[in-house]
Amino acid sequence: MEDREKLRLWLDRYNLTQSWLIDTLRRRGLEVDKATLSSALKGTITGPRVTKIMEVSRQIQDEYEKFVQSVSA
């Protein structure tokens, strides 16, 4: 399974929206609009920008997972 598919499933699992992810990416200094994120998750665009979006998204996922675990512990 590709990273983009994993990210889509992860958002669904935690009932998070693409808008939430866009806001979180922006707070980290990565300007992303809805169309760009949607295309990146569908795989219709590629390149260094998408690589960066996915990299920062993975960091967000890791931090969110740690937060959820700490709250449920």
N, C-alpha and C. Protein backbone atom coordinates (compact mmCIF):
# COMPACT_ATOMS: atom_id res chain seq x y z
N MET A 1 0.85 -1.18 0.00
CA MET A 1 0.00 0.00 0.00
C MET A 1 0.90 1.25 0.00
N GLU A 2 0.57 2.19 -0.83
CA GLU A 2 1.36 3.41 -0.96
C GLU A 2 1.08 4.36 0.19
N ASP A 3 2.03 5.26 0.43
CA ASP A 3 1.89 6.24 1.51
C ASP A 3 0.63 7.06 1.39
N ARG A 4 0.30 7.43 0.16
CA ARG A 4 -0.89 8.27 -0.02
C ARG A 4 -2.15 7.53 0.37
N GLU A 5 -2.20 6.23 0.07
CA GLU A 5 -3.35 5.42 0.46
C GLU A 5 -3.40 5.26 1.97
N LYS A 6 -2.25 5.05 2.58
CA LYS A 6 -2.18 4.93 4.04
C LYS A 6 -2.65 6.22 4.70
N LEU A 7 -2.26 7.35 4.14
CA LEU A 7 -2.68 8.63 4.70
C LEU A 7 -4.18 8.81 4.60
N ARG A 8 -4.75 8.47 3.47
CA ARG A 8 -6.22 8.57 3.31
C ARG A 8 -6.94 7.69 4.33
N LEU A 9 -6.46 6.46 4.50
CA LEU A 9 -7.07 5.55 5.47
C LEU A 9 -6.90 6.05 6.90
N TRP A 10 -5.74 6.61 7.18
CA TRP A 10 -5.47 7.14 8.51
C TRP A 10 -6.42 8.30 8.83
N LEU A 11 -6.60 9.21 7.88
CA LEU A 11 -7.54 10.32 8.09
C LEU A 11 -8.94 9.78 8.38
N ASP A 12 -9.34 8.79 7.62
CA ASP A 12 -10.66 8.18 7.80
C ASP A 12 -10.76 7.51 9.16
N ARG A 13 -9.73 6.80 9.55
CA ARG A 13 -9.73 6.06 10.83
C ARG A 13 -9.97 7.00 12.01
N TYR A 14 -9.34 8.16 11.97
CA TYR A 14 -9.49 9.10 13.07
C TYR A 14 -10.54 10.18 12.80
N ASN A 15 -11.28 9.98 11.73
CA ASN A 15 -12.36 10.90 11.39
C ASN A 15 -11.85 12.33 11.23
N LEU A 16 -10.69 12.45 10.59
CA LEU A 16 -10.08 13.75 10.32
C LEU A 16 -10.31 14.11 8.86
N THR A 17 -10.43 15.38 8.60
CA THR A 17 -10.69 15.84 7.23
C THR A 17 -9.41 16.30 6.55
N GLN A 18 -9.49 16.40 5.25
CA GLN A 18 -8.37 16.97 4.50
C GLN A 18 -8.17 18.43 4.90
N SER A 19 -9.24 19.12 5.24
CA SER A 19 -9.12 20.51 5.69
C SER A 19 -8.31 20.58 6.99
N TRP A 20 -8.55 19.63 7.88
CA TRP A 20 -7.77 19.58 9.12
C TRP A 20 -6.29 19.39 8.80
N LEU A 21 -6.00 18.48 7.88
CA LEU A 21 -4.62 18.23 7.50
C LEU A 21 -3.99 19.46 6.84
N ILE A 22 -4.73 20.13 5.98
CA ILE A 22 -4.24 21.35 5.33
C ILE A 22 -3.89 22.39 6.39
N ASP A 23 -4.77 22.60 7.35
CA ASP A 23 -4.51 23.57 8.42
C ASP A 23 -3.26 23.18 9.22
N THR A 24 -3.11 21.91 9.50
CA THR A 24 -1.96 21.43 10.26
C THR A 24 -0.68 21.59 9.46
N LEU A 25 -0.73 21.30 8.16
CA LEU A 25 0.43 21.50 7.30
C LEU A 25 0.80 22.99 7.24
N ARG A 26 -0.18 23.84 7.17
CA ARG A 26 0.07 25.29 7.11
C ARG A 26 0.72 25.79 8.39
N ARG A 27 0.29 25.25 9.53
CA ARG A 27 0.90 25.66 10.81
C ARG A 27 2.37 25.26 10.86
N ARG A 28 2.74 24.31 10.04
CA ARG A 28 4.14 23.89 9.97
C ARG A 28 4.88 24.59 8.83
N GLY A 29 4.26 25.57 8.25
CA GLY A 29 4.91 26.37 7.22
C GLY A 29 4.82 25.83 5.81
N LEU A 30 3.96 24.85 5.59
CA LEU A 30 3.81 24.26 4.26
C LEU A 30 2.46 24.69 3.69
N GLU A 31 2.48 25.62 2.76
CA GLU A 31 1.25 26.11 2.16
C GLU A 31 0.72 25.09 1.14
N VAL A 32 -0.44 24.57 1.43
CA VAL A 32 -1.07 23.56 0.58
C VAL A 32 -2.54 23.93 0.43
N ASP A 33 -3.04 23.88 -0.79
CA ASP A 33 -4.47 24.12 -0.97
C ASP A 33 -5.19 22.79 -1.14
N LYS A 34 -6.51 22.88 -1.13
CA LYS A 34 -7.35 21.68 -1.18
C LYS A 34 -7.11 20.87 -2.46
N ALA A 35 -7.01 21.55 -3.58
CA ALA A 35 -6.81 20.86 -4.86
C ALA A 35 -5.47 20.13 -4.90
N THR A 36 -4.43 20.77 -4.38
CA THR A 36 -3.11 20.14 -4.37
C THR A 36 -3.09 18.91 -3.49
N LEU A 37 -3.65 19.03 -2.28
CA LEU A 37 -3.67 17.88 -1.38
C LEU A 37 -4.49 16.75 -1.97
N SER A 38 -5.63 17.08 -2.52
CA SER A 38 -6.49 16.06 -3.12
C SER A 38 -5.77 15.34 -4.26
N SER A 39 -5.11 16.09 -5.11
CA SER A 39 -4.37 15.49 -6.23
C SER A 39 -3.20 14.65 -5.74
N ALA A 40 -2.54 15.11 -4.69
CA ALA A 40 -1.42 14.34 -4.12
C ALA A 40 -1.92 13.02 -3.56
N LEU A 41 -3.06 13.04 -2.88
CA LEU A 41 -3.60 11.82 -2.29
C LEU A 41 -4.15 10.86 -3.35
N LYS A 42 -4.60 11.41 -4.47
CA LYS A 42 -5.08 10.57 -5.57
C LYS A 42 -3.95 10.04 -6.43
N GLY A 43 -2.78 10.67 -6.33
CA GLY A 43 -1.65 10.24 -7.13
C GLY A 43 -1.62 10.86 -8.51
N THR A 44 -2.42 11.90 -8.73
CA THR A 44 -2.45 12.52 -10.05
C THR A 44 -1.34 13.54 -10.23
N ILE A 45 -0.70 13.95 -9.13
CA ILE A 45 0.49 14.80 -9.23
C ILE A 45 1.62 14.14 -8.43
N THR A 46 2.83 14.40 -8.85
CA THR A 46 4.01 13.88 -8.16
C THR A 46 5.07 14.97 -8.16
N GLY A 47 6.20 14.65 -7.59
CA GLY A 47 7.31 15.59 -7.60
C GLY A 47 7.73 15.99 -6.21
N PRO A 48 8.70 16.89 -6.13
CA PRO A 48 9.27 17.27 -4.84
C PRO A 48 8.25 17.88 -3.87
N ARG A 49 7.30 18.64 -4.40
CA ARG A 49 6.28 19.24 -3.52
C ARG A 49 5.43 18.16 -2.87
N VAL A 50 5.02 17.17 -3.63
CA VAL A 50 4.22 16.07 -3.09
C VAL A 50 5.06 15.26 -2.09
N THR A 51 6.32 15.05 -2.41
CA THR A 51 7.21 14.34 -1.49
C THR A 51 7.27 15.06 -0.14
N LYS A 52 7.37 16.39 -0.17
CA LYS A 52 7.42 17.18 1.06
C LYS A 52 6.09 17.11 1.81
N ILE A 53 4.99 17.19 1.09
CA ILE A 53 3.67 17.08 1.72
C ILE A 53 3.55 15.75 2.44
N MET A 54 3.97 14.68 1.78
CA MET A 54 3.86 13.36 2.39
C MET A 54 4.80 13.22 3.58
N GLU A 55 5.98 13.78 3.48
CA GLU A 55 6.96 13.71 4.57
C GLU A 55 6.42 14.41 5.83
N VAL A 56 5.92 15.60 5.66
CA VAL A 56 5.39 16.35 6.80
C VAL A 56 4.10 15.69 7.31
N SER A 57 3.31 15.15 6.43
CA SER A 57 2.09 14.44 6.83
C SER A 57 2.43 13.22 7.68
N ARG A 58 3.49 12.51 7.33
CA ARG A 58 3.92 11.36 8.14
C ARG A 58 4.34 11.81 9.54
N GLN A 59 5.02 12.94 9.62
CA GLN A 59 5.40 13.48 10.93
C GLN A 59 4.15 13.81 11.75
N ILE A 60 3.16 14.40 11.10
CA ILE A 60 1.90 14.73 11.77
C ILE A 60 1.22 13.46 12.26
N GLN A 61 1.19 12.44 11.40
CA GLN A 61 0.60 11.16 11.79
C GLN A 61 1.28 10.60 13.03
N ASP A 62 2.60 10.57 13.02
CA ASP A 62 3.35 10.02 14.15
C ASP A 62 3.03 10.77 15.44
N GLU A 63 3.04 12.09 15.37
CA GLU A 63 2.74 12.89 16.55
C GLU A 63 1.31 12.70 17.02
N TYR A 64 0.38 12.59 16.09
CA TYR A 64 -1.02 12.39 16.45
C TYR A 64 -1.20 11.03 17.13
N GLU A 65 -0.55 10.01 16.58
CA GLU A 65 -0.64 8.67 17.16
C GLU A 65 -0.09 8.67 18.59
N LYS A 66 1.04 9.34 18.81
CA LYS A 66 1.62 9.42 20.15
C LYS A 66 0.67 10.14 21.10
N PHE A 67 0.05 11.20 20.62
CA PHE A 67 -0.90 11.94 21.43
C PHE A 67 -2.08 11.05 21.82
N VAL A 68 -2.64 10.35 20.85
CA VAL A 68 -3.80 9.47 21.12
C VAL A 68 -3.41 8.40 22.13
N GLN A 69 -2.22 7.84 21.98
CA GLN A 69 -1.78 6.80 22.92
C GLN A 69 -1.60 7.36 24.31
N SER A 70 -1.07 8.58 24.43
CA SER A 70 -0.85 9.17 25.74
C SER A 70 -2.19 9.50 26.43
N VAL A 71 -3.18 9.89 25.66
CA VAL A 71 -4.48 10.22 26.23
C VAL A 71 -5.22 8.95 26.68
N SER A 72 -5.04 7.88 25.92
CA SER A 72 -5.77 6.64 26.24
C SER A 72 -5.04 5.79 27.27
N ALA A 73 -3.82 6.15 27.62
CA ALA A 73 -3.05 5.35 28.59
C ALA A 73 -3.44 5.67 30.02
